[in-house]
Amino acid sequence: MTPRRIPAGFTFARSGRLHLLVRAGAPDLVALLRRWAAGSLPPARALLGGRGGVGAFQIRSDLVVVLRPYRRGGLVRRFNTTRYLGFSPRPFRELRASEALRAAGVPTPEVLAAAALWDVPGCYRGALASREVPGAINLWHYLQMAVPAERGPACAAAAAATRSMHDAGAIHPDLNLQNYLVRRTPSGFDAWIIDLDGVRFARITPRTRRAAFARICRSIRKLDPESAVMTLACVEAFRTVADAGAERA
């Protein structure tokens, strides 16, 4: 079950049922992922605004890794939270998508390793290890803490990251306020797009961009139904995702 395409700069490793893609220079991650596979991870630092199961691990003095075990969503999670079917593991696909986007200049966290633990052929559990972005937190969590004047600029940074992703020819099927990281800087905000396992590359049309804006709006309505957090400036900032399509029409 060796991955069909190993990205440049990565090596494939196998330890029994555990298959890994590990970035050169990060061999310390193999031990961490073996512990994940054995169900014996050490205590992790919880991430501010992070989701359940995701934690940060200090691997070296100069390296903090965010480990994200894959969790099922939707109705499936009621009876299956961690197992996936198929022979092309999602962590490997996400790693390849992340590398392609980073090469195109799209801001995404650096993936350091991807893991697939095979229960039987065609059934696996997965995990992804990324370098922590210091000071960056989930956009939705940040917006809830921020003063209103800062919310629009934070959303504008996320919208700019989305436009760069579209310009690179990529479609994210689950754009929502929790799939961005943002960080306050002296000059404004930086933003990164995360959870890339469903990303696909295709021709980007004005309709594609409008659909992406519509997904973000659905996320806004779901997370903030009373409009207590999202300002008009936030919505207008994300509207540029759709407007970019009109400019290219």
Protein backbone atom coordinates (compact mmCIF):
# COMPACT_ATOMS: atom_id res chain seq x y z
CA MET A 1 0.00 0.00 0.00
CA THR A 2 2.87 2.33 -0.73
CA PRO A 3 1.55 5.78 -1.74
CA ARG A 4 1.43 6.09 -5.50
CA ARG A 5 3.03 9.53 -5.45
CA ILE A 6 5.54 10.55 -2.80
CA PRO A 7 5.96 14.35 -2.77
CA ALA A 8 9.46 15.74 -3.16
CA GLY A 9 11.18 16.13 0.18
CA PHE A 10 9.26 13.28 1.84
CA THR A 11 10.10 9.66 2.51
CA PHE A 12 7.82 6.66 2.93
CA ALA A 13 8.16 4.57 6.09
CA ARG A 14 6.32 1.48 7.24
CA SER A 15 5.97 -0.04 10.68
CA GLY A 16 3.63 -3.00 10.50
CA ARG A 17 0.16 -1.68 9.67
CA LEU A 18 1.30 1.94 10.06
CA HIS A 19 2.26 3.71 6.83
CA LEU A 20 3.90 7.14 6.97
CA LEU A 21 5.02 9.97 4.76
CA VAL A 22 7.56 12.05 6.67
CA ARG A 23 9.26 15.26 5.62
CA ALA A 24 13.05 15.08 5.45
CA GLY A 25 14.53 16.62 8.58
CA ALA A 26 11.61 15.60 10.81
CA PRO A 27 12.37 11.98 11.75
CA ASP A 28 11.37 12.64 15.38
CA LEU A 29 7.76 12.51 14.21
CA VAL A 30 7.92 8.78 13.52
CA ALA A 31 8.00 8.04 17.25
CA LEU A 32 5.06 10.36 17.91
CA LEU A 33 2.96 8.78 15.17
CA ARG A 34 3.79 5.29 16.40
CA ARG A 35 2.44 6.33 19.79
CA TRP A 36 -0.68 7.70 18.11
CA ALA A 37 -1.17 4.36 16.36
CA ALA A 38 -0.72 2.50 19.67
CA GLY A 39 -3.20 4.78 21.44
CA SER A 40 -0.52 5.96 23.89
CA LEU A 41 0.05 9.62 23.03
CA PRO A 42 1.61 11.76 25.76
CA PRO A 43 -0.43 14.67 27.14
CA ALA A 44 -0.87 17.39 24.53
CA ARG A 45 -1.27 21.12 24.85
CA ALA A 46 -4.81 22.05 23.86
CA LEU A 47 -5.09 24.61 21.08
CA LEU A 48 -6.97 27.84 21.70
CA GLY A 49 -10.12 27.49 19.65
CA GLY A 50 -9.05 24.04 18.50
CA ARG A 51 -11.32 21.06 17.95
CA GLY A 52 -11.49 17.87 19.95
CA GLY A 53 -8.64 15.44 19.41
CA VAL A 54 -6.26 18.07 18.02
CA GLY A 55 -3.27 18.92 20.19
CA ALA A 56 0.22 20.41 20.11
CA PHE A 57 3.35 18.45 21.02
CA GLN A 58 6.79 19.90 21.76
CA ILE A 59 9.03 17.60 19.72
CA ARG A 60 12.23 19.63 20.02
CA SER A 61 13.12 23.03 21.42
CA ASP A 62 12.62 24.45 17.92
CA LEU A 63 9.66 22.34 16.81
CA VAL A 64 6.04 22.23 18.00
CA VAL A 65 3.80 19.87 16.05
CA VAL A 66 0.03 20.00 15.75
CA LEU A 67 -1.34 16.47 15.43
CA ARG A 68 -4.82 16.11 13.94
CA PRO A 69 -6.37 12.64 13.97
CA TYR A 70 -9.01 12.36 11.26
CA ARG A 71 -12.58 12.40 12.53
CA ARG A 72 -15.73 11.65 10.58
CA GLY A 73 -18.41 14.29 10.24
CA GLY A 74 -22.08 14.39 9.39
CA LEU A 75 -24.42 11.49 10.05
CA VAL A 76 -21.62 8.93 9.65
CA ARG A 77 -20.00 10.01 12.91
CA ARG A 78 -22.95 8.63 14.87
CA PHE A 79 -21.69 5.10 14.30
CA ASN A 80 -18.13 5.59 12.99
CA THR A 81 -15.90 8.40 14.19
CA THR A 82 -12.41 7.47 12.99
CA ARG A 83 -12.40 4.81 10.27
CA TYR A 84 -12.30 5.46 6.52
CA LEU A 85 -12.65 3.21 3.50
CA GLY A 86 -10.47 3.27 0.40
CA PHE A 87 -6.92 2.67 -0.77
CA SER A 88 -5.87 6.32 -1.17
CA PRO A 89 -5.70 7.59 2.41
CA ARG A 90 -6.97 11.10 3.06
CA PRO A 91 -3.86 12.16 5.02
CA PHE A 92 -1.67 11.41 2.00
CA ARG A 93 -4.03 13.31 -0.29
CA GLU A 94 -4.08 16.27 2.08
CA LEU A 95 -0.29 16.31 2.24
CA ARG A 96 -0.04 16.41 -1.55
CA ALA A 97 -2.67 19.15 -1.79
CA SER A 98 -0.89 21.19 0.86
CA GLU A 99 2.45 20.90 -0.93
CA ALA A 100 0.89 21.97 -4.24
CA LEU A 101 -0.81 24.97 -2.63
CA ARG A 102 2.31 26.05 -0.74
CA ALA A 103 4.31 25.84 -3.98
CA ALA A 104 1.75 28.20 -5.54
CA GLY A 105 2.12 30.68 -2.69
CA VAL A 106 -1.16 29.84 -0.91
CA PRO A 107 -0.84 30.23 2.88
CA THR A 108 -1.33 26.85 4.55
CA PRO A 109 0.52 25.39 7.56
CA GLU A 110 3.54 23.26 6.70
CA VAL A 111 2.65 19.56 6.79
CA LEU A 112 5.44 17.49 8.29
CA ALA A 113 3.99 13.99 8.20
CA ALA A 114 0.91 11.99 7.23
CA ALA A 115 -0.09 8.63 8.68
CA ALA A 116 -2.47 5.82 7.77
CA LEU A 117 -3.04 2.94 10.17
CA TRP A 118 -4.60 0.05 8.27
CA ASP A 119 -7.07 -2.10 10.19
CA VAL A 120 -7.55 -4.32 7.15
CA PRO A 121 -6.86 -3.62 3.47
CA GLY A 122 -9.17 -0.80 2.44
CA CYS A 123 -10.02 0.34 5.98
CA TYR A 124 -7.79 2.77 7.85
CA ARG A 125 -7.48 5.50 10.45
CA GLY A 126 -5.50 8.62 9.66
CA ALA A 127 -3.59 11.49 11.18
CA LEU A 128 -1.76 14.57 9.95
CA ALA A 129 1.12 16.37 11.66
CA SER A 130 1.82 20.03 10.85
CA ARG A 131 4.24 22.63 12.12
CA GLU A 132 2.45 24.92 14.58
CA VAL A 133 1.97 28.49 13.39
CA PRO A 134 2.97 30.48 16.50
CA GLY A 135 0.24 32.77 17.75
CA ALA A 136 -2.34 31.70 15.14
CA ILE A 137 -5.83 30.63 16.21
CA ASN A 138 -9.08 29.51 14.65
CA LEU A 139 -10.76 32.47 12.90
CA TRP A 140 -14.18 31.90 14.51
CA HIS A 141 -12.62 31.79 17.98
CA TYR A 142 -10.67 34.96 17.26
CA LEU A 143 -13.73 36.83 16.04
CA GLN A 144 -15.58 36.02 19.26
CA MET A 145 -12.75 37.52 21.32
CA ALA A 146 -11.88 40.50 19.11
CA VAL A 147 -13.23 44.01 19.34
CA PRO A 148 -15.59 44.81 16.43
CA ALA A 149 -13.05 47.04 14.67
CA GLU A 150 -10.64 44.10 14.27
CA ARG A 151 -13.13 41.59 12.93
CA GLY A 152 -13.39 43.00 9.41
CA PRO A 153 -9.59 43.08 8.84
CA ALA A 154 -9.26 39.51 10.16
CA CYS A 155 -11.92 38.32 7.73
CA ALA A 156 -10.27 40.30 4.93
CA ALA A 157 -7.05 38.32 5.50
CA ALA A 158 -9.01 35.05 5.34
CA ALA A 159 -10.74 36.21 2.15
CA ALA A 160 -7.38 37.09 0.57
CA ALA A 161 -6.09 33.59 1.37
CA THR A 162 -9.20 32.14 -0.27
CA ARG A 163 -8.72 34.21 -3.42
CA SER A 164 -5.11 33.06 -3.66
CA MET A 165 -6.29 29.45 -3.36
CA HIS A 166 -8.74 29.95 -6.21
CA ASP A 167 -6.07 31.68 -8.28
CA ALA A 168 -3.96 28.54 -7.78
CA GLY A 169 -6.78 26.45 -9.29
CA ALA A 170 -7.95 24.80 -6.08
CA ILE A 171 -11.43 24.26 -4.63
CA HIS A 172 -11.96 23.72 -0.89
CA PRO A 173 -15.23 21.81 -0.35
CA ASP A 174 -15.68 22.88 3.27
CA LEU A 175 -14.91 26.57 3.54
CA ASN A 176 -16.10 27.76 6.92
CA LEU A 177 -14.93 30.11 9.64
CA GLN A 178 -13.26 27.26 11.53
CA ASN A 179 -11.06 26.27 8.59
CA TYR A 180 -8.93 29.39 8.79
CA LEU A 181 -6.16 30.36 11.18
CA VAL A 182 -5.45 34.04 11.79
CA ARG A 183 -2.71 35.91 13.61
CA ARG A 184 -2.55 39.58 14.58
CA THR A 185 0.61 41.30 13.36
CA PRO A 186 1.92 44.85 13.79
CA SER A 187 0.74 45.66 10.26
CA GLY A 188 -2.59 43.80 10.27
CA PHE A 189 -3.46 40.10 10.00
CA ASP A 190 -2.06 36.96 8.46
CA ALA A 191 -4.33 34.04 7.58
CA TRP A 192 -3.89 30.38 6.66
CA ILE A 193 -6.32 27.85 5.20
CA ILE A 194 -6.50 24.45 6.93
CA ASP A 195 -8.25 21.05 6.61
CA LEU A 196 -7.28 20.46 3.00
CA ASP A 197 -8.07 16.76 2.65
CA GLY A 198 -11.00 17.42 0.30
CA VAL A 199 -9.25 20.01 -1.85
CA ARG A 200 -9.35 19.33 -5.56
CA PHE A 201 -7.78 21.12 -8.49
CA ALA A 202 -10.02 22.20 -11.33
CA ARG A 203 -10.85 25.10 -13.59
CA ILE A 204 -11.99 28.00 -11.42
CA THR A 205 -14.96 29.90 -12.82
CA PRO A 206 -16.95 32.88 -11.50
CA ARG A 207 -19.58 30.36 -10.44
CA THR A 208 -16.94 28.46 -8.42
CA ARG A 209 -16.02 31.63 -6.55
CA ARG A 210 -19.65 32.51 -5.88
CA ALA A 211 -20.25 29.01 -4.55
CA ALA A 212 -17.30 29.40 -2.18
CA PHE A 213 -18.73 32.66 -0.86
CA ALA A 214 -22.10 30.95 -0.41
CA ARG A 215 -20.45 28.20 1.68
CA ILE A 216 -18.82 30.81 3.89
CA CYS A 217 -22.18 32.55 4.32
CA ARG A 218 -23.78 29.26 5.39
CA SER A 219 -21.02 28.88 7.96
CA ILE A 220 -21.70 32.40 9.24
CA ARG A 221 -25.42 31.69 9.60
CA LYS A 222 -24.76 28.41 11.38
CA LEU A 223 -22.18 29.74 13.83
CA ASP A 224 -23.67 33.19 14.36
CA PRO A 225 -27.43 32.95 13.71
CA GLU A 226 -28.16 36.09 15.74
CA SER A 227 -25.42 38.14 14.00
CA ALA A 228 -23.89 38.86 17.39
CA VAL A 229 -20.29 38.50 16.20
CA MET A 230 -20.07 38.95 12.43
CA THR A 231 -20.07 42.60 11.41
CA LEU A 232 -21.06 44.01 8.02
CA ALA A 233 -17.35 44.57 7.39
CA CYS A 234 -16.77 40.82 7.88
CA VAL A 235 -19.40 39.87 5.31
CA GLU A 236 -18.20 42.48 2.82
CA ALA A 237 -14.64 41.24 3.21
CA PHE A 238 -15.71 37.70 2.31
CA ARG A 239 -17.84 39.02 -0.55
CA THR A 240 -14.58 39.78 -2.38
CA VAL A 241 -14.22 36.00 -2.84
CA ALA A 242 -17.25 36.12 -5.17
CA ASP A 243 -16.43 39.56 -6.60
CA ALA A 244 -13.08 38.24 -7.80
CA GLY A 245 -15.04 35.94 -10.09
CA ALA A 246 -17.01 38.86 -11.49
CA GLU A 247 -13.79 40.73 -12.22
CA ARG A 248 -12.53 37.78 -14.26
CA ALA A 249 -15.80 37.13 -16.07
